[in-house]
PDB file of N, CA and C in Angstrom:
ATOM      1  N   UNK A   1      -8.150  15.860 -34.025  1.00  0.00           N
ATOM      2  CA  UNK A   1      -9.555  16.970 -34.579  1.00  0.00           C
ATOM      3  C   UNK A   1      -8.874  16.518 -35.628  1.00  0.00           C
ATOM      4  N   UNK A   2      -9.911  16.068 -36.422  1.00  0.00           N
ATOM      5  CA  UNK A   2      -9.796  15.480 -38.231  1.00  0.00           C
ATOM      6  C   UNK A   2     -10.128  16.732 -38.791  1.00  0.00           C
ATOM      7  N   UNK A   3      -9.167  16.626 -40.177  1.00  0.00           N
ATOM      8  CA  UNK A   3      -8.580  18.122 -40.932  1.00  0.00           C
ATOM      9  C   UNK A   3      -9.914  18.280 -41.491  1.00  0.00           C
ATOM     10  N   UNK A   4     -10.588  17.763 -41.760  1.00  0.00           N
ATOM     11  CA  UNK A   4     -12.225  18.504 -41.913  1.00  0.00           C
ATOM     12  C   UNK A   4     -12.685  19.533 -41.272  1.00  0.00           C
ATOM     13  N   UNK A   5     -12.599  19.414 -39.555  1.00  0.00           N
ATOM     14  CA  UNK A   5     -12.838  20.128 -38.618  1.00  0.00           C
ATOM     15  C   UNK A   5     -11.935  21.027 -38.807  1.00  0.00           C
ATOM     16  N   UNK A   6     -10.224  20.883 -38.800  1.00  0.00           N
ATOM     17  CA  UNK A   6      -9.683  22.088 -38.441  1.00  0.00           C
ATOM     18  C   UNK A   6     -10.073  23.004 -40.017  1.00  0.00           C
ATOM     19  N   UNK A   7     -10.063  22.574 -41.400  1.00  0.00           N
ATOM     20  CA  UNK A   7     -10.171  23.215 -42.027  1.00  0.00           C
ATOM     21  C   UNK A   7     -11.667  23.908 -42.385  1.00  0.00           C
ATOM     22  N   UNK A   8     -12.328  23.257 -42.101  1.00  0.00           N
ATOM     23  CA  UNK A   8     -13.319  24.184 -41.442  1.00  0.00           C
ATOM     24  C   UNK A   8     -13.652  25.803 -40.444  1.00  0.00           C
ATOM     25  N   UNK A   9     -12.727  25.026 -39.288  1.00  0.00           N
ATOM     26  CA  UNK A   9     -12.161  26.332 -38.263  1.00  0.00           C
ATOM     27  C   UNK A   9     -11.568  27.616 -39.205  1.00  0.00           C
ATOM     28  N   UNK A  10     -10.615  27.306 -39.930  1.00  0.00           N
ATOM     29  CA  UNK A  10     -10.183  28.158 -40.961  1.00  0.00           C
ATOM     30  C   UNK A  10     -11.108  28.671 -41.753  1.00  0.00           C
ATOM     31  N   UNK A  11     -11.921  27.716 -42.308  1.00  0.00           N
ATOM     32  CA  UNK A  11     -12.950  28.993 -43.330  1.00  0.00           C
ATOM     33  C   UNK A  11     -13.839  29.959 -42.447  1.00  0.00           C
ATOM     34  N   UNK A  12     -14.727  29.219 -41.794  1.00  0.00           N
ATOM     35  CA  UNK A  12     -15.311  29.677 -40.505  1.00  0.00           C
ATOM     36  C   UNK A  12     -14.890  31.345 -40.156  1.00  0.00           C
ATOM     37  N   UNK A  13     -13.730  31.631 -39.710  1.00  0.00           N
ATOM     38  CA  UNK A  13     -12.825  32.075 -39.039  1.00  0.00           C
ATOM     39  C   UNK A  13     -12.496  33.352 -40.432  1.00  0.00           C
ATOM     40  N   UNK A  14     -12.183  32.730 -41.330  1.00  0.00           N
ATOM     41  CA  UNK A  14     -11.452  34.054 -42.160  1.00  0.00           C
ATOM     42  C   UNK A  14     -13.499  34.695 -42.945  1.00  0.00           C
ATOM     43  N   UNK A  15     -14.373  33.487 -42.857  1.00  0.00           N
ATOM     44  CA  UNK A  15     -15.381  34.255 -43.410  1.00  0.00           C
ATOM     45  C   UNK A  15     -15.884  35.061 -42.129  1.00  0.00           C
ATOM     46  N   UNK A  16     -16.129  34.840 -41.480  1.00  0.00           N
ATOM     47  CA  UNK A  16     -17.398  35.330 -40.129  1.00  0.00           C
ATOM     48  C   UNK A  16     -16.234  36.910 -39.684  1.00  0.00           C
ATOM     49  N   UNK A  17     -14.635  36.934 -39.877  1.00  0.00           N
ATOM     50  CA  UNK A  17     -14.000  37.949 -40.124  1.00  0.00           C
ATOM     51  C   UNK A  17     -14.131  38.832 -41.245  1.00  0.00           C
ATOM     52  N   UNK A  18     -14.575  38.600 -42.629  1.00  0.00           N
ATOM     53  CA  UNK A  18     -14.762  39.440 -43.942  1.00  0.00           C
ATOM     54  C   UNK A  18     -16.463  40.018 -43.076  1.00  0.00           C
ATOM     55  N   UNK A  19     -17.227  39.033 -43.027  1.00  0.00           N
ATOM     56  CA  UNK A  19     -18.602  39.753 -42.598  1.00  0.00           C
ATOM     57  C   UNK A  19     -18.872  40.812 -40.991  1.00  0.00           C
ATOM     58  N   UNK A  20     -17.665  40.514 -40.277  1.00  0.00           N
ATOM     59  CA  UNK A  20     -17.909  41.657 -39.390  1.00  0.00           C
ATOM     60  C   UNK A  20     -17.296  42.548 -40.085  1.00  0.00           C
ATOM     61  N   UNK A  21     -16.081  42.903 -40.487  1.00  0.00           N
ATOM     62  CA  UNK A  21     -15.538  44.331 -41.367  1.00  0.00           C
ATOM     63  C   UNK A  21     -16.602  44.541 -41.989  1.00  0.00           C
ATOM     64  N   UNK A  22     -17.259  44.349 -42.232  1.00  0.00           N
ATOM     65  CA  UNK A  22     -18.408  44.727 -43.409  1.00  0.00           C
ATOM     66  C   UNK A  22     -19.470  45.452 -42.637  1.00  0.00           C
ATOM     67  N   UNK A  23     -19.628  44.834 -41.335  1.00  0.00           N
ATOM     68  CA  UNK A  23     -21.132  45.197 -40.943  1.00  0.00           C
ATOM     69  C   UNK A  23     -20.644  46.928 -39.729  1.00  0.00           C
ATOM     70  N   UNK A  24     -18.753  46.871 -39.364  1.00  0.00           N
ATOM     71  CA  UNK A  24     -18.535  47.437 -38.710  1.00  0.00           C
ATOM     72  C   UNK A  24     -18.269  48.501 -39.408  1.00  0.00           C
ATOM     73  N   UNK A  25     -17.921  48.089 -41.027  1.00  0.00           N
ATOM     74  CA  UNK A  25     -17.363  49.345 -41.272  1.00  0.00           C
ATOM     75  C   UNK A  25     -19.057  50.342 -42.102  1.00  0.00           C
ATOM     76  N   UNK A  26     -19.988  49.394 -42.029  1.00  0.00           N
ATOM     77  CA  UNK A  26     -21.063  50.175 -42.628  1.00  0.00           C
ATOM     78  C   UNK A  26     -21.513  50.994 -41.753  1.00  0.00           C
ATOM     79  N   UNK A  27     -21.325  50.936 -40.136  1.00  0.00           N
ATOM     80  CA  UNK A  27     -21.591  52.395 -39.489  1.00  0.00           C
ATOM     81  C   UNK A  27     -22.770  52.335 -39.352  1.00  0.00           C
ATOM     82  N   UNK A  28     -23.727  51.268 -39.070  1.00  0.00           N
ATOM     83  CA  UNK A  28     -25.041  50.923 -39.161  1.00  0.00           C
ATOM     84  C   UNK A  28     -25.464  51.319 -37.306  1.00  0.00           C
ATOM     85  N   UNK A  29     -24.399  51.730 -36.898  1.00  0.00           N
ATOM     86  CA  UNK A  29     -25.240  52.419 -35.448  1.00  0.00           C
ATOM     87  C   UNK A  29     -24.527  51.297 -34.314  1.00  0.00           C
ATOM     88  N   UNK A  30     -24.777  51.791 -33.421  1.00  0.00           N
ATOM     89  CA  UNK A  30     -24.089  50.845 -31.725  1.00  0.00           C
ATOM     90  C   UNK A  30     -24.335  49.621 -32.072  1.00  0.00           C
ATOM     91  N   UNK A  31     -25.701  48.927 -32.261  1.00  0.00           N
ATOM     92  CA  UNK A  31     -26.105  47.775 -32.003  1.00  0.00           C
ATOM     93  C   UNK A  31     -25.274  46.718 -33.081  1.00  0.00           C
ATOM     94  N   UNK A  32     -25.632  47.450 -34.194  1.00  0.00           N
ATOM     95  CA  UNK A  32     -25.138  46.297 -35.466  1.00  0.00           C
ATOM     96  C   UNK A  32     -23.650  46.474 -35.574  1.00  0.00           C
ATOM     97  N   UNK A  33     -22.875  47.962 -34.757  1.00  0.00           N
ATOM     98  CA  UNK A  33     -21.302  47.515 -34.807  1.00  0.00           C
ATOM     99  C   UNK A  33     -21.441  46.394 -33.795  1.00  0.00           C
ATOM    100  N   UNK A  34     -22.050  46.543 -32.698  1.00  0.00           N
ATOM    101  CA  UNK A  34     -21.611  45.750 -31.668  1.00  0.00           C
ATOM    102  C   UNK A  34     -21.519  44.423 -31.983  1.00  0.00           C
ATOM    103  N   UNK A  35     -22.517  43.813 -32.607  1.00  0.00           N
ATOM    104  CA  UNK A  35     -23.217  42.802 -33.653  1.00  0.00           C
ATOM    105  C   UNK A  35     -21.707  42.347 -34.586  1.00  0.00           C
ATOM    106  N   UNK A  36     -21.124  42.968 -34.885  1.00  0.00           N
ATOM    107  CA  UNK A  36     -19.967  42.398 -35.401  1.00  0.00           C
ATOM    108  C   UNK A  36     -19.095  42.485 -34.732  1.00  0.00           C
ATOM    109  N   UNK A  37     -18.648  43.168 -33.550  1.00  0.00           N
ATOM    110  CA  UNK A  37     -18.008  42.534 -32.327  1.00  0.00           C
ATOM    111  C   UNK A  37     -18.241  40.947 -31.830  1.00  0.00           C
ATOM    112  N   UNK A  38     -19.260  40.974 -32.115  1.00  0.00           N
ATOM    113  CA  UNK A  38     -19.365  39.472 -31.478  1.00  0.00           C
ATOM    114  C   UNK A  38     -19.169  38.648 -32.448  1.00  0.00           C
ATOM    115  N   UNK A  39     -19.414  38.730 -33.628  1.00  0.00           N
ATOM    116  CA  UNK A  39     -18.919  37.694 -34.659  1.00  0.00           C
ATOM    117  C   UNK A  39     -17.269  37.607 -34.841  1.00  0.00           C
ATOM    118  N   UNK A  40     -16.685  38.960 -34.789  1.00  0.00           N
ATOM    119  CA  UNK A  40     -15.049  39.002 -35.259  1.00  0.00           C
ATOM    120  C   UNK A  40     -14.559  38.288 -33.805  1.00  0.00           C
ATOM    121  N   UNK A  41     -15.781  37.879 -32.495  1.00  0.00           N
ATOM    122  CA  UNK A  41     -15.071  37.281 -31.094  1.00  0.00           C
ATOM    123  C   UNK A  41     -15.226  35.889 -32.052  1.00  0.00           C
ATOM    124  N   UNK A  42     -16.280  35.489 -32.545  1.00  0.00           N
ATOM    125  CA  UNK A  42     -16.577  34.156 -32.906  1.00  0.00           C
ATOM    126  C   UNK A  42     -15.450  33.705 -33.962  1.00  0.00           C
ATOM    127  N   UNK A  43     -15.156  34.527 -34.851  1.00  0.00           N
ATOM    128  CA  UNK A  43     -14.296  34.304 -35.817  1.00  0.00           C
ATOM    129  C   UNK A  43     -12.588  34.045 -35.322  1.00  0.00           C
ATOM    130  N   UNK A  44     -12.309  34.666 -34.131  1.00  0.00           N
ATOM    131  CA  UNK A  44     -10.555  35.178 -33.207  1.00  0.00           C
ATOM    132  C   UNK A  44     -11.298  33.249 -32.729  1.00  0.00           C
ATOM    133  N   UNK A  45     -11.833  33.121 -31.941  1.00  0.00           N
ATOM    134  CA  UNK A  45     -12.004  32.084 -31.368  1.00  0.00           C
ATOM    135  C   UNK A  45     -11.771  30.564 -32.205  1.00  0.00           C
ATOM    136  N   UNK A  46     -12.056  30.814 -33.393  1.00  0.00           N
ATOM    137  CA  UNK A  46     -12.004  30.272 -34.647  1.00  0.00           C
ATOM    138  C   UNK A  46     -10.726  29.842 -34.890  1.00  0.00           C
ATOM    139  N   UNK A  47     -10.196  30.865 -34.971  1.00  0.00           N
ATOM    140  CA  UNK A  47      -8.438  31.418 -35.970  1.00  0.00           C
ATOM    141  C   UNK A  47      -7.777  30.418 -34.800  1.00  0.00           C
ATOM    142  N   UNK A  48      -7.744  30.750 -33.403  1.00  0.00           N
ATOM    143  CA  UNK A  48      -7.159  30.231 -32.151  1.00  0.00           C
ATOM    144  C   UNK A  48      -7.129  28.846 -32.426  1.00  0.00           C
ATOM    145  N   UNK A  49      -8.141  28.249 -32.333  1.00  0.00           N
ATOM    146  CA  UNK A  49      -8.070  26.994 -32.580  1.00  0.00           C
ATOM    147  C   UNK A  49      -7.642  26.213 -33.511  1.00  0.00           C
ATOM    148  N   UNK A  50      -7.721  27.201 -34.640  1.00  0.00           N
ATOM    149  CA  UNK A  50      -7.393  26.828 -35.949  1.00  0.00           C
ATOM    150  C   UNK A  50      -5.836  26.446 -35.650  1.00  0.00           C
ATOM    151  N   UNK A  51      -4.952  27.740 -34.986  1.00  0.00           N
ATOM    152  CA  UNK A  51      -3.997  28.034 -35.288  1.00  0.00           C
ATOM    153  C   UNK A  51      -3.278  27.235 -34.399  1.00  0.00           C
ATOM    154  N   UNK A  52      -4.042  26.552 -33.323  1.00  0.00           N
ATOM    155  CA  UNK A  52      -3.446  25.787 -32.257  1.00  0.00           C
ATOM    156  C   UNK A  52      -3.237  24.489 -32.520  1.00  0.00           C
ATOM    157  N   UNK A  53      -4.459  24.551 -33.936  1.00  0.00           N
ATOM    158  CA  UNK A  53      -5.092  23.071 -33.381  1.00  0.00           C
ATOM    159  C   UNK A  53      -4.159  22.492 -35.302  1.00  0.00           C
ATOM    160  N   UNK A  54      -3.417  23.261 -35.874  1.00  0.00           N
ATOM    161  CA  UNK A  54      -2.941  23.232 -37.372  1.00  0.00           C
ATOM    162  C   UNK A  54      -1.276  23.010 -37.135  1.00  0.00           C
ATOM    163  N   UNK A  55      -1.261  22.219 -38.148  1.00  0.00           N
ATOM    164  CA  UNK A  55       0.255  22.120 -38.132  1.00  0.00           C
ATOM    165  C   UNK A  55       1.188  23.211 -38.267  1.00  0.00           C
ATOM    166  N   UNK A  56       1.090  24.657 -38.837  1.00  0.00           N
ATOM    167  CA  UNK A  56       1.956  25.269 -39.271  1.00  0.00           C
ATOM    168  C   UNK A  56       1.353  26.681 -39.196  1.00  0.00           C
ATOM    169  N   UNK A  57       0.195  27.388 -37.940  1.00  0.00           N
ATOM    170  CA  UNK A  57      -0.958  28.714 -38.028  1.00  0.00           C
ATOM    171  C   UNK A  57      -0.582  29.095 -37.135  1.00  0.00           C
ATOM    172  N   UNK A  58       0.935  29.028 -35.876  1.00  0.00           N
ATOM    173  CA  UNK A  58       0.858  28.983 -34.345  1.00  0.00           C
ATOM    174  C   UNK A  58       0.856  30.810 -34.982  1.00  0.00           C
ATOM    175  N   UNK A  59       1.363  31.261 -35.650  1.00  0.00           N
ATOM    176  CA  UNK A  59       1.549  33.051 -35.634  1.00  0.00           C
ATOM    177  C   UNK A  59       0.171  33.527 -36.033  1.00  0.00           C
ATOM    178  N   UNK A  60      -1.069  32.782 -36.538  1.00  0.00           N
ATOM    179  CA  UNK A  60      -2.194  33.681 -36.534  1.00  0.00           C
ATOM    180  C   UNK A  60      -3.215  33.061 -35.321  1.00  0.00           C
ATOM    181  N   UNK A  61      -2.954  31.800 -34.823  1.00  0.00           N
ATOM    182  CA  UNK A  61      -3.365  31.917 -33.524  1.00  0.00           C
ATOM    183  C   UNK A  61      -3.363  32.656 -32.033  1.00  0.00           C
ATOM    184  N   UNK A  62      -1.541  33.153 -32.238  1.00  0.00           N
ATOM    185  CA  UNK A  62      -1.667  33.931 -30.768  1.00  0.00           C
ATOM    186  C   UNK A  62      -1.650  35.150 -31.704  1.00  0.00           C
ATOM    187  N   UNK A  63      -2.051  35.810 -32.996  1.00  0.00           N
ATOM    188  CA  UNK A  63      -3.280  37.434 -33.320  1.00  0.00           C
ATOM    189  C   UNK A  63      -4.141  36.833 -33.185  1.00  0.00           C
ATOM    190  N   UNK A  64      -4.834  35.930 -33.310  1.00  0.00           N
ATOM    191  CA  UNK A  64      -6.146  36.101 -32.567  1.00  0.00           C
ATOM    192  C   UNK A  64      -6.313  36.023 -31.128  1.00  0.00           C
ATOM    193  N   UNK A  65      -5.478  35.569 -30.282  1.00  0.00           N
ATOM    194  CA  UNK A  65      -5.329  36.326 -28.731  1.00  0.00           C
ATOM    195  C   UNK A  65      -5.564  37.347 -28.999  1.00  0.00           C
ATOM    196  N   UNK A  66      -4.919  38.126 -28.944  1.00  0.00           N
ATOM    197  CA  UNK A  66      -4.324  39.267 -29.004  1.00  0.00           C
ATOM    198  C   UNK A  66      -6.325  39.979 -29.481  1.00  0.00           C
ATOM    199  N   UNK A  67      -6.763  39.346 -30.371  1.00  0.00           N
ATOM    200  CA  UNK A  67      -7.876  40.363 -31.447  1.00  0.00           C
ATOM    201  C   UNK A  67      -9.135  39.812 -30.632  1.00  0.00           C
ATOM    202  N   UNK A  68      -9.323  38.660 -29.820  1.00  0.00           N
ATOM    203  CA  UNK A  68      -9.987  38.678 -28.983  1.00  0.00           C
ATOM    204  C   UNK A  68     -10.231  39.628 -27.912  1.00  0.00           C
ATOM    205  N   UNK A  69      -9.206  39.911 -27.257  1.00  0.00           N
ATOM    206  CA  UNK A  69      -9.031  40.554 -26.400  1.00  0.00           C
ATOM    207  C   UNK A  69      -9.728  41.968 -26.122  1.00  0.00           C
ATOM    208  N   UNK A  70      -8.982  42.200 -27.902  1.00  0.00           N
ATOM    209  CA  UNK A  70      -9.644  43.381 -28.223  1.00  0.00           C
ATOM    210  C   UNK A  70     -11.128  43.525 -28.665  1.00  0.00           C
ATOM    211  N   UNK A  71     -11.257  42.711 -29.517  1.00  0.00           N
ATOM    212  CA  UNK A  71     -12.843  42.716 -29.832  1.00  0.00           C
ATOM    213  C   UNK A  71     -13.632  42.135 -28.669  1.00  0.00           C
ATOM    214  N   UNK A  72     -13.553  41.703 -27.074  1.00  0.00           N
ATOM    215  CA  UNK A  72     -14.248  42.085 -26.672  1.00  0.00           C
ATOM    216  C   UNK A  72     -14.549  43.129 -26.029  1.00  0.00           C
ATOM    217  N   UNK A  73     -13.742  44.099 -25.665  1.00  0.00           N
ATOM    218  CA  UNK A  73     -13.573  45.477 -25.692  1.00  0.00           C
ATOM    219  C   UNK A  73     -14.844  46.272 -26.539  1.00  0.00           C
ATOM    220  N   UNK A  74     -14.840  45.972 -27.484  1.00  0.00           N
ATOM    221  CA  UNK A  74     -15.573  46.157 -28.626  1.00  0.00           C
ATOM    222  C   UNK A  74     -16.860  45.809 -28.133  1.00  0.00           C
ATOM    223  N   UNK A  75     -17.614  44.372 -27.939  1.00  0.00           N
ATOM    224  CA  UNK A  75     -18.797  43.938 -27.306  1.00  0.00           C
ATOM    225  C   UNK A  75     -18.854  44.180 -26.148  1.00  0.00           C
ATOM    226  N   UNK A  76     -17.802  45.575 -25.103  1.00  0.00           N
ATOM    227  CA  UNK A  76     -18.566  45.914 -23.816  1.00  0.00           C
ATOM    228  C   UNK A  76     -18.396  47.476 -25.013  1.00  0.00           C
ATOM    229  N   UNK A  77     -17.896  47.728 -25.250  1.00  0.00           N
ATOM    230  CA  UNK A  77     -17.888  49.344 -25.548  1.00  0.00           C
ATOM    231  C   UNK A  77     -19.581  49.472 -26.656  1.00  0.00           C
ATOM    232  N   UNK A  78     -19.812  48.586 -27.189  1.00  0.00           N
ATOM    233  CA  UNK A  78     -21.172  48.757 -27.431  1.00  0.00           C
ATOM    234  C   UNK A  78     -22.413  48.033 -27.472  1.00  0.00           C
ATOM    235  N   UNK A  79     -21.869  46.796 -26.689  1.00  0.00           N
ATOM    236  CA  UNK A  79     -22.959  46.227 -26.502  1.00  0.00           C
ATOM    237  C   UNK A  79     -23.880  46.067 -24.942  1.00  0.00           C
ATOM    238  N   UNK A  80     -22.517  46.521 -24.064  1.00  0.00           N
ATOM    239  CA  UNK A  80     -22.900  46.243 -22.802  1.00  0.00           C
ATOM    240  C   UNK A  80     -22.955  47.899 -22.004  1.00  0.00           C
ATOM    241  N   UNK A  81     -21.422  48.552 -22.404  1.00  0.00           N
ATOM    242  CA  UNK A  81     -22.094  50.056 -21.311  1.00  0.00           C
ATOM    243  C   UNK A  81     -22.805  50.608 -22.416  1.00  0.00           C
ATOM    244  N   UNK A  82     -23.810  51.265 -21.109  1.00  0.00           N
ATOM    245  CA  UNK A  82     -24.795  51.926 -21.019  1.00  0.00           C
ATOM    246  C   UNK A  82     -24.660  53.404 -21.738  1.00  0.00           C
ATOM    247  N   UNK A  83     -23.752  54.356 -21.300  1.00  0.00           N
ATOM    248  CA  UNK A  83     -23.571  55.347 -21.776  1.00  0.00           C
ATOM    249  C   UNK A  83     -22.212  55.471 -22.438  1.00  0.00           C
ATOM    250  N   UNK A  84     -22.286  56.650 -23.153  1.00  0.00           N
ATOM    251  CA  UNK A  84     -21.863  56.684 -24.491  1.00  0.00           C
ATOM    252  C   UNK A  84     -20.256  57.605 -23.787  1.00  0.00           C
ATOM    253  N   UNK A  85     -19.418  57.245 -24.083  1.00  0.00           N
ATOM    254  CA  UNK A  85     -18.048  58.072 -23.414  1.00  0.00           C
ATOM    255  C   UNK A  85     -18.402  60.258 -24.253  1.00  0.00           C
ATOM    256  N   UNK A  86     -17.916  60.897 -23.322  1.00  0.00           N
ATOM    257  CA  UNK A  86     -18.545  62.171 -23.249  1.00  0.00           C
ATOM    258  C   UNK A  86     -17.484  62.965 -24.217  1.00  0.00           C
ATOM    259  N   UNK A  87     -17.514  63.788 -25.028  1.00  0.00           N
ATOM    260  CA  UNK A  87     -15.924  64.263 -25.753  1.00  0.00           C
ATOM    261  C   UNK A  87     -15.412  65.166 -25.272  1.00  0.00           C
ATOM    262  N   UNK A  88     -14.100  65.005 -25.790  1.00  0.00           N
ATOM    263  CA  UNK A  88     -13.202  65.103 -25.005  1.00  0.00           C
ATOM    264  C   UNK A  88     -12.987  67.172 -25.144  1.00  0.00           C
TER     265      UNK A  88
END
């Protein structure tokens, strides 16, 4: 993969992560929060690829493998699961 593509992954991951964080922080409802988590998933994928294809970003790649799983849980909770959890 060329340097331009690797740089593109880095910047997409960074910008998408910031946009997703903004959407989630605005608390616009379950659907929008779920969309934010979908964007987080794409950000994590880009940063995992960037982390392992680039020369010195293995730590970011590893971190985003973990964040990818966490973000999938968010997608499940906000977009797939039908029933909200009952209050404790």
